[in-house]
Protein backbone atom coordinates (compact mmCIF):
# COMPACT_ATOMS: atom_id res chain seq x y z
CA MET A 1 -230.52 9.06 -68.32
CA SER A 2 -227.09 7.51 -67.85
CA THR A 3 -226.40 3.91 -67.02
CA PRO A 4 -224.13 2.94 -64.15
CA MET A 5 -220.55 2.05 -65.06
CA ASN A 6 -219.53 -1.57 -64.93
CA ASN A 7 -216.33 -2.65 -63.21
CA SER A 8 -214.20 -2.67 -66.36
CA GLU A 9 -215.33 0.85 -67.31
CA ASN A 10 -214.61 2.02 -63.77
CA LEU A 11 -211.16 0.42 -63.84
CA ALA A 12 -210.39 1.93 -67.25
CA LEU A 13 -211.40 5.35 -65.95
CA GLN A 14 -209.22 4.95 -62.85
CA TRP A 15 -206.24 4.00 -65.05
CA GLU A 16 -206.83 7.05 -67.25
CA ILE A 17 -206.99 9.33 -64.20
CA ALA A 18 -203.75 7.82 -62.86
CA ARG A 19 -202.07 8.34 -66.25
CA VAL A 20 -203.16 11.99 -66.39
CA LYS A 21 -201.93 12.59 -62.83
CA ALA A 22 -198.55 11.05 -63.73
CA ASP A 23 -198.36 13.26 -66.84
CA MET A 24 -199.11 16.33 -64.70
CA THR A 25 -196.38 15.36 -62.22
CA ASN A 26 -193.89 14.89 -65.08
CA LEU A 27 -194.80 18.28 -66.55
CA GLU A 28 -194.43 19.97 -63.15
CA THR A 29 -190.99 18.38 -62.76
CA ARG A 30 -189.96 19.53 -66.24
CA LEU A 31 -191.20 23.05 -65.50
CA ASP A 32 -189.22 23.14 -62.24
CA ASN A 33 -186.09 21.99 -64.09
CA LEU A 34 -186.53 24.63 -66.79
CA TYR A 35 -187.03 27.29 -64.13
CA ARG A 36 -183.79 26.24 -62.41
CA GLU A 37 -181.96 26.24 -65.75
CA ALA A 38 -183.20 29.78 -66.43
CA ILE A 39 -181.93 30.97 -63.06
CA ASP A 40 -178.58 29.23 -63.64
CA TYR A 41 -178.31 30.76 -67.11
CA HIS A 42 -179.02 34.26 -65.83
CA SER A 43 -176.53 33.91 -62.98
CA ARG A 44 -173.82 32.57 -65.34
CA GLU A 45 -174.45 35.35 -67.83
CA GLY A 46 -174.15 37.98 -65.13
CA GLU A 47 -177.71 39.18 -65.47
CA ARG A 48 -178.86 41.41 -62.66
CA GLU A 49 -182.41 40.14 -62.77
CA THR A 50 -183.50 36.53 -62.51
CA PRO A 51 -186.99 35.13 -62.85
CA THR A 52 -188.91 35.51 -59.62
CA GLU A 53 -191.13 32.93 -58.03
CA ALA A 54 -194.07 35.31 -58.48
CA GLY A 55 -193.26 35.61 -62.16
CA ARG A 56 -193.03 31.86 -62.53
CA GLU A 57 -196.32 31.25 -60.80
CA GLY A 58 -198.36 34.11 -62.15
CA ASP A 59 -196.98 35.11 -65.51
CA ALA A 60 -196.42 32.84 -68.50
CA ARG A 61 -194.68 35.53 -70.56
CA VAL A 62 -191.02 35.09 -71.37
CA THR A 63 -189.05 38.28 -70.84
């Protein structure tokens, strides 16, 4: 049987959740920037194919 959380435990948990959400947002921003850099690189190098949105969302493999 678990005991109810006290206010300080609840606050600590809320802070941890907020920190994780901020980390996720930062990682999503970094991923978006890397994706844009990959597209820019391919267009500068004259590649015919660039990463597609479907590939970015559904496939973690680097080709």
